PDB file of N, CA and C in Angstrom:
ATOM      1  N   MET A   1      95.711  72.158 109.392  1.00  0.00           N
ATOM      2  CA  MET A   1      94.567  71.584 108.708  1.00  0.00           C
ATOM      3  C   MET A   1      93.573  72.690 108.391  1.00  0.00           C
ATOM      4  N   ARG A   2      93.164  72.766 107.176  1.00  0.00           N
ATOM      5  CA  ARG A   2      92.218  73.796 106.745  1.00  0.00           C
ATOM      6  C   ARG A   2      90.816  73.219 106.677  1.00  0.00           C
ATOM      7  N   THR A   3      89.850  74.043 107.077  1.00  0.00           N
ATOM      8  CA  THR A   3      88.469  73.574 107.057  1.00  0.00           C
ATOM      9  C   THR A   3      87.658  74.187 105.931  1.00  0.00           C
ATOM     10  N   TYR A   4      88.090  75.337 105.413  1.00  0.00           N
ATOM     11  CA  TYR A   4      87.374  76.004 104.329  1.00  0.00           C
ATOM     12  C   TYR A   4      85.897  76.207 104.660  1.00  0.00           C
ATOM     13  N   ASP A   5      85.639  76.619 105.889  1.00  0.00           N
ATOM     14  CA  ASP A   5      84.241  76.787 106.283  1.00  0.00           C
ATOM     15  C   ASP A   5      83.841  78.250 106.478  1.00  0.00           C
ATOM     16  N   ARG A   6      84.612  79.163 105.940  1.00  0.00           N
ATOM     17  CA  ARG A   6      84.247  80.575 106.012  1.00  0.00           C
ATOM     18  C   ARG A   6      83.182  80.875 104.972  1.00  0.00           C
ATOM     19  N   THR A   7      82.254  81.730 105.354  1.00  0.00           N
ATOM     20  CA  THR A   7      81.232  82.140 104.392  1.00  0.00           C
ATOM     21  C   THR A   7      81.691  83.412 103.696  1.00  0.00           C
ATOM     22  N   TRP A   8      81.064  83.705 102.556  1.00  0.00           N
ATOM     23  CA  TRP A   8      81.382  84.954 101.857  1.00  0.00           C
ATOM     24  C   TRP A   8      81.033  86.147 102.731  1.00  0.00           C
ATOM     25  N   ASP A   9      79.973  86.027 103.513  1.00  0.00           N
ATOM     26  CA  ASP A   9      79.596  87.117 104.426  1.00  0.00           C
ATOM     27  C   ASP A   9      80.672  87.358 105.475  1.00  0.00           C
ATOM     28  N   GLU A  10      81.273  86.290 105.996  1.00  0.00           N
ATOM     29  CA  GLU A  10      82.355  86.443 106.971  1.00  0.00           C
ATOM     30  C   GLU A  10      83.568  87.138 106.348  1.00  0.00           C
ATOM     31  N   ILE A  11      83.884  86.733 105.137  1.00  0.00           N
ATOM     32  CA  ILE A  11      85.023  87.344 104.450  1.00  0.00           C
ATOM     33  C   ILE A  11      84.731  88.808 104.157  1.00  0.00           C
ATOM     34  N   ASP A  12      83.525  89.107 103.704  1.00  0.00           N
ATOM     35  CA  ASP A  12      83.125  90.487 103.429  1.00  0.00           C
ATOM     36  C   ASP A  12      83.167  91.333 104.698  1.00  0.00           C
ATOM     37  N   GLU A  13      82.730  90.781 105.808  1.00  0.00           N
ATOM     38  CA  GLU A  13      82.768  91.500 107.089  1.00  0.00           C
ATOM     39  C   GLU A  13      84.205  91.754 107.527  1.00  0.00           C
ATOM     40  N   MET A  14      85.071  90.793 107.319  1.00  0.00           N
ATOM     41  CA  MET A  14      86.473  90.972 107.666  1.00  0.00           C
ATOM     42  C   MET A  14      87.093  92.079 106.813  1.00  0.00           C
ATOM     43  N   LEU A  15      86.725  92.122 105.547  1.00  0.00           N
ATOM     44  CA  LEU A  15      87.212  93.178 104.662  1.00  0.00           C
ATOM     45  C   LEU A  15      86.768  94.546 105.184  1.00  0.00           C
ATOM     46  N   GLU A  16      85.530  94.663 105.571  1.00  0.00           N
ATOM     47  CA  GLU A  16      85.036  95.939 106.100  1.00  0.00           C
ATOM     48  C   GLU A  16      85.755  96.312 107.396  1.00  0.00           C
ATOM     49  N   GLN A  17      86.009  95.346 108.244  1.00  0.00           N
ATOM     50  CA  GLN A  17      86.733  95.615 109.489  1.00  0.00           C
ATOM     51  C   GLN A  17      88.154  96.078 109.194  1.00  0.00           C
ATOM     52  N   ALA A  18      88.793  95.473 108.199  1.00  0.00           N
ATOM     53  CA  ALA A  18      90.147  95.876 107.819  1.00  0.00           C
ATOM     54  C   ALA A  18      90.146  97.304 107.284  1.00  0.00           C
ATOM     55  N   ARG A  19      89.137  97.657 106.494  1.00  0.00           N
ATOM     56  CA  ARG A  19      89.037  99.032 105.974  1.00  0.00           C
ATOM     57  C   ARG A  19      88.889 100.037 107.119  1.00  0.00           C
ATOM     58  N   LEU A  20      88.018  99.715 108.046  1.00  0.00           N
ATOM     59  CA  LEU A  20      87.803 100.622 109.182  1.00  0.00           C
ATOM     60  C   LEU A  20      89.063 100.757 110.027  1.00  0.00           C
ATOM     61  N   LYS A  21      89.725  99.649 110.295  1.00  0.00           N
ATOM     62  CA  LYS A  21      90.939  99.671 111.114  1.00  0.00           C
ATOM     63  C   LYS A  21      92.043 100.454 110.405  1.00  0.00           C
ATOM     64  N   ARG A  22      92.134 100.294 109.065  1.00  0.00           N
ATOM     65  CA  ARG A  22      93.153 101.051 108.320  1.00  0.00           C
ATOM     66  C   ARG A  22      92.876 102.544 108.405  1.00  0.00           C
ATOM     67  N   ARG A  23      91.595 102.945 108.319  1.00  0.00           N
ATOM     68  CA  ARG A  23      91.252 104.366 108.474  1.00  0.00           C
ATOM     69  C   ARG A  23      91.651 104.878 109.851  1.00  0.00           C
ATOM     70  N   GLU A  24      91.420 104.062 110.880  1.00  0.00           N
ATOM     71  CA  GLU A  24      91.805 104.457 112.245  1.00  0.00           C
ATOM     72  C   GLU A  24      93.311 104.686 112.331  1.00  0.00           C
ATOM     73  N   TRP A  25      94.097 103.785 111.735  1.00  0.00           N
ATOM     74  CA  TRP A  25      95.543 103.950 111.761  1.00  0.00           C
ATOM     75  C   TRP A  25      95.977 105.173 110.958  1.00  0.00           C
ATOM     76  N   SER A  26      95.277 105.485 109.880  1.00  0.00           N
ATOM     77  CA  SER A  26      95.594 106.684 109.099  1.00  0.00           C
ATOM     78  C   SER A  26      95.334 107.947 109.916  1.00  0.00           C
ATOM     79  N   ILE A  27      94.249 107.944 110.657  1.00  0.00           N
ATOM     80  CA  ILE A  27      93.944 109.080 111.543  1.00  0.00           C
ATOM     81  C   ILE A  27      95.001 109.186 112.635  1.00  0.00           C
ATOM     82  N   HIS A  28      95.383 108.049 113.191  1.00  0.00           N
ATOM     83  CA  HIS A  28      96.422 108.018 114.224  1.00  0.00           C
ATOM     84  C   HIS A  28      97.727 108.597 113.668  1.00  0.00           C
ATOM     85  N   PHE A  29      98.057 108.240 112.428  1.00  0.00           N
ATOM     86  CA  PHE A  29      99.258 108.770 111.791  1.00  0.00           C
ATOM     87  C   PHE A  29      99.199 110.289 111.702  1.00  0.00           C
ATOM     88  N   GLU A  30      98.076 110.813 111.233  1.00  0.00           N
ATOM     89  CA  GLU A  30      97.943 112.270 111.091  1.00  0.00           C
ATOM     90  C   GLU A  30      98.047 112.985 112.437  1.00  0.00           C
ATOM     91  N   ARG A  31      97.466 112.408 113.462  1.00  0.00           N
ATOM     92  CA  ARG A  31      97.577 113.006 114.809  1.00  0.00           C
ATOM     93  C   ARG A  31      99.022 112.993 115.289  1.00  0.00           C
ATOM     94  N   ALA A  32      99.703 111.883 115.070  1.00  0.00           N
ATOM     95  CA  ALA A  32     101.106 111.786 115.480  1.00  0.00           C
ATOM     96  C   ALA A  32     101.964 112.771 114.694  1.00  0.00           C
ATOM     97  N   LYS A  33     101.635 112.964 113.439  1.00  0.00           N
ATOM     98  CA  LYS A  33     102.376 113.907 112.598  1.00  0.00           C
ATOM     99  C   LYS A  33     102.238 115.330 113.136  1.00  0.00           C
ATOM    100  N   LYS A  34     101.030 115.683 113.582  1.00  0.00           N
ATOM    101  CA  LYS A  34     100.794 117.033 114.099  1.00  0.00           C
ATOM    102  C   LYS A  34     101.640 117.335 115.336  1.00  0.00           C
ATOM    103  N   ILE A  35     101.910 116.303 116.140  1.00  0.00           N
ATOM    104  CA  ILE A  35     102.708 116.537 117.353  1.00  0.00           C
ATOM    105  C   ILE A  35     104.154 116.068 117.172  1.00  0.00           C
ATOM    106  N   ASN A  36     104.491 115.702 115.924  1.00  0.00           N
ATOM    107  CA  ASN A  36     105.853 115.315 115.562  1.00  0.00           C
ATOM    108  C   ASN A  36     106.352 114.109 116.364  1.00  0.00           C
ATOM    109  N   ASN A  37     105.492 113.111 116.505  1.00  0.00           N
ATOM    110  CA  ASN A  37     105.850 111.885 117.215  1.00  0.00           C
ATOM    111  C   ASN A  37     106.259 110.841 116.170  1.00  0.00           C
ATOM    112  N   ALA A  38     107.558 110.774 115.922  1.00  0.00           N
ATOM    113  CA  ALA A  38     108.073 109.924 114.847  1.00  0.00           C
ATOM    114  C   ALA A  38     107.776 108.448 115.081  1.00  0.00           C
ATOM    115  N   GLN A  39     107.926 107.963 116.306  1.00  0.00           N
ATOM    116  CA  GLN A  39     107.691 106.546 116.570  1.00  0.00           C
ATOM    117  C   GLN A  39     106.226 106.182 116.339  1.00  0.00           C
ATOM    118  N   ALA A  40     105.314 107.024 116.800  1.00  0.00           N
ATOM    119  CA  ALA A  40     103.888 106.765 116.591  1.00  0.00           C
ATOM    120  C   ALA A  40     103.543 106.828 115.105  1.00  0.00           C
ATOM    121  N   MET A  41     104.198 107.735 114.374  1.00  0.00           N
ATOM    122  CA  MET A  41     103.975 107.814 112.930  1.00  0.00           C
ATOM    123  C   MET A  41     104.424 106.527 112.244  1.00  0.00           C
ATOM    124  N   LYS A  42     105.600 106.023 112.619  1.00  0.00           N
ATOM    125  CA  LYS A  42     106.106 104.776 112.024  1.00  0.00           C
ATOM    126  C   LYS A  42     105.177 103.604 112.320  1.00  0.00           C
ATOM    127  N   ASP A  43     104.754 103.510 113.570  1.00  0.00           N
ATOM    128  CA  ASP A  43     103.855 102.412 113.950  1.00  0.00           C
ATOM    129  C   ASP A  43     102.552 102.485 113.172  1.00  0.00           C
ATOM    130  N   ALA A  44     101.983 103.668 113.087  1.00  0.00           N
ATOM    131  CA  ALA A  44     100.713 103.844 112.386  1.00  0.00           C
ATOM    132  C   ALA A  44     100.867 103.553 110.899  1.00  0.00           C
ATOM    133  N   ALA A  45     101.945 104.037 110.299  1.00  0.00           N
ATOM    134  CA  ALA A  45     102.185 103.803 108.868  1.00  0.00           C
ATOM    135  C   ALA A  45     102.365 102.310 108.596  1.00  0.00           C
ATOM    136  N   ARG A  46     103.129 101.627 109.449  1.00  0.00           N
ATOM    137  CA  ARG A  46     103.351 100.189 109.276  1.00  0.00           C
ATOM    138  C   ARG A  46     102.033  99.417 109.359  1.00  0.00           C
ATOM    139  N   ASN A  47     101.229  99.738 110.353  1.00  0.00           N
ATOM    140  CA  ASN A  47      99.958  99.030 110.533  1.00  0.00           C
ATOM    141  C   ASN A  47      98.973  99.331 109.410  1.00  0.00           C
ATOM    142  N   ALA A  48      98.923 100.577 108.969  1.00  0.00           N
ATOM    143  CA  ALA A  48      98.041 100.938 107.864  1.00  0.00           C
ATOM    144  C   ALA A  48      98.462 100.201 106.587  1.00  0.00           C
ATOM    145  N   LYS A  49      99.761 100.133 106.341  1.00  0.00           N
ATOM    146  CA  LYS A  49     100.267  99.448 105.151  1.00  0.00           C
ATOM    147  C   LYS A  49      99.970  97.947 105.214  1.00  0.00           C
ATOM    148  N   ALA A  50     100.118  97.354 106.379  1.00  0.00           N
ATOM    149  CA  ALA A  50      99.806  95.932 106.540  1.00  0.00           C
ATOM    150  C   ALA A  50      98.333  95.672 106.247  1.00  0.00           C
ATOM    151  N   LEU A  51      97.489  96.559 106.708  1.00  0.00           N
ATOM    152  CA  LEU A  51      96.054  96.383 106.468  1.00  0.00           C
ATOM    153  C   LEU A  51      95.690  96.582 104.999  1.00  0.00           C
ATOM    154  N   GLU A  52      96.462  97.387 104.277  1.00  0.00           N
ATOM    155  CA  GLU A  52      96.257  97.481 102.831  1.00  0.00           C
ATOM    156  C   GLU A  52      96.457  96.104 102.198  1.00  0.00           C
ATOM    157  N   GLY A  53      97.480  95.388 102.671  1.00  0.00           N
ATOM    158  CA  GLY A  53      97.731  94.047 102.164  1.00  0.00           C
ATOM    159  C   GLY A  53      96.600  93.089 102.507  1.00  0.00           C
ATOM    160  N   VAL A  54      96.072  93.215 103.709  1.00  0.00           N
ATOM    161  CA  VAL A  54      94.932  92.388 104.117  1.00  0.00           C
ATOM    162  C   VAL A  54      93.751  92.670 103.202  1.00  0.00           C
ATOM    163  N   GLU A  55      93.478  93.945 102.976  1.00  0.00           N
ATOM    164  CA  GLU A  55      92.359  94.323 102.109  1.00  0.00           C
ATOM    165  C   GLU A  55      92.531  93.754 100.700  1.00  0.00           C
ATOM    166  N   LYS A  56      93.722  93.921 100.142  1.00  0.00           N
ATOM    167  CA  LYS A  56      93.955  93.437  98.780  1.00  0.00           C
ATOM    168  C   LYS A  56      93.784  91.929  98.713  1.00  0.00           C
ATOM    169  N   THR A  57      94.293  91.225  99.710  1.00  0.00           N
ATOM    170  CA  THR A  57      94.177  89.778  99.720  1.00  0.00           C
ATOM    171  C   THR A  57      92.724  89.337  99.802  1.00  0.00           C
ATOM    172  N   LEU A  58      91.962  89.964 100.675  1.00  0.00           N
ATOM    173  CA  LEU A  58      90.551  89.602 100.800  1.00  0.00           C
ATOM    174  C   LEU A  58      89.775  89.940  99.532  1.00  0.00           C
ATOM    175  N   ARG A  59      90.081  91.084  98.921  1.00  0.00           N
ATOM    176  CA  ARG A  59      89.417  91.445  97.672  1.00  0.00           C
ATOM    177  C   ARG A  59      89.758  90.438  96.576  1.00  0.00           C
ATOM    178  N   TRP A  60      91.017  89.967  96.552  1.00  0.00           N
ATOM    179  CA  TRP A  60      91.446  88.965  95.586  1.00  0.00           C
ATOM    180  C   TRP A  60      90.719  87.648  95.830  1.00  0.00           C
ATOM    181  N   VAL A  61      90.623  87.231  97.090  1.00  0.00           N
ATOM    182  CA  VAL A  61      89.925  85.991  97.438  1.00  0.00           C
ATOM    183  C   VAL A  61      88.476  86.049  96.982  1.00  0.00           C
ATOM    184  N   MET A  62      87.855  87.215  97.111  1.00  0.00           N
ATOM    185  CA  MET A  62      86.453  87.366  96.737  1.00  0.00           C
ATOM    186  C   MET A  62      86.273  87.479  95.225  1.00  0.00           C
ATOM    187  N   GLY A  63      87.387  87.559  94.494  1.00  0.00           N
ATOM    188  CA  GLY A  63      87.316  87.613  93.036  1.00  0.00           C
ATOM    189  C   GLY A  63      86.929  88.970  92.492  1.00  0.00           C
ATOM    190  N   GLU A  64      87.237  90.024  93.226  1.00  0.00           N
ATOM    191  CA  GLU A  64      86.897  91.378  92.775  1.00  0.00           C
ATOM    192  C   GLU A  64      87.651  91.704  91.485  1.00  0.00           C
ATOM    193  N   ALA A  65      86.942  92.246  90.521  1.00  0.00           N
ATOM    194  CA  ALA A  65      87.536  92.575  89.226  1.00  0.00           C
ATOM    195  C   ALA A  65      88.645  93.601  89.390  1.00  0.00           C
ATOM    196  N   GLY A  66      89.737  93.392  88.664  1.00  0.00           N
ATOM    197  CA  GLY A  66      90.823  94.351  88.649  1.00  0.00           C
ATOM    198  C   GLY A  66      91.819  94.228  89.790  1.00  0.00           C
ATOM    199  N   VAL A  67      91.665  93.234  90.652  1.00  0.00           N
ATOM    200  CA  VAL A  67      92.589  93.067  91.767  1.00  0.00           C
ATOM    201  C   VAL A  67      93.630  92.022  91.369  1.00  0.00           C
ATOM    202  N   ASP A  68      94.880  92.491  91.287  1.00  0.00           N
ATOM    203  CA  ASP A  68      95.977  91.598  90.934  1.00  0.00           C
ATOM    204  C   ASP A  68      96.282  90.656  92.098  1.00  0.00           C
ATOM    205  N   HIS A  69      97.022  89.600  91.785  1.00  0.00           N
ATOM    206  CA  HIS A  69      97.461  88.653  92.798  1.00  0.00           C
ATOM    207  C   HIS A  69      98.171  89.432  93.907  1.00  0.00           C
ATOM    208  N   PRO A  70      97.855  89.171  95.166  1.00  0.00           N
ATOM    209  CA  PRO A  70      98.407  89.961  96.271  1.00  0.00           C
ATOM    210  C   PRO A  70      99.930  89.905  96.407  1.00  0.00           C
ATOM    211  N   LEU A  71     100.561  88.878  95.880  1.00  0.00           N
ATOM    212  CA  LEU A  71     102.011  88.767  96.016  1.00  0.00           C
ATOM    213  C   LEU A  71     102.774  89.349  94.841  1.00  0.00           C
ATOM    214  N   HIS A  72     102.056  89.951  93.918  1.00  0.00           N
ATOM    215  CA  HIS A  72     102.733  90.582  92.752  1.00  0.00           C
ATOM    216  C   HIS A  72     102.813  92.051  92.954  1.00  0.00           C
TER     217      HIS A  72
END
């Protein structure tokens, strides 16, 4: 059951949190790369890529110009 009770501010805050978390995973990837930790690199890359999808979806929900449908 959906309530549709999120505010635009909540969605905007979630978008900012996703951006920050994606940056953290990108930094984690670079650190893992420096020490040649392949598993940590894969985990970081996967999580960063997933957060890109979260960001795109939230930007699409907010109606940001130039953002294509997230599933295309």
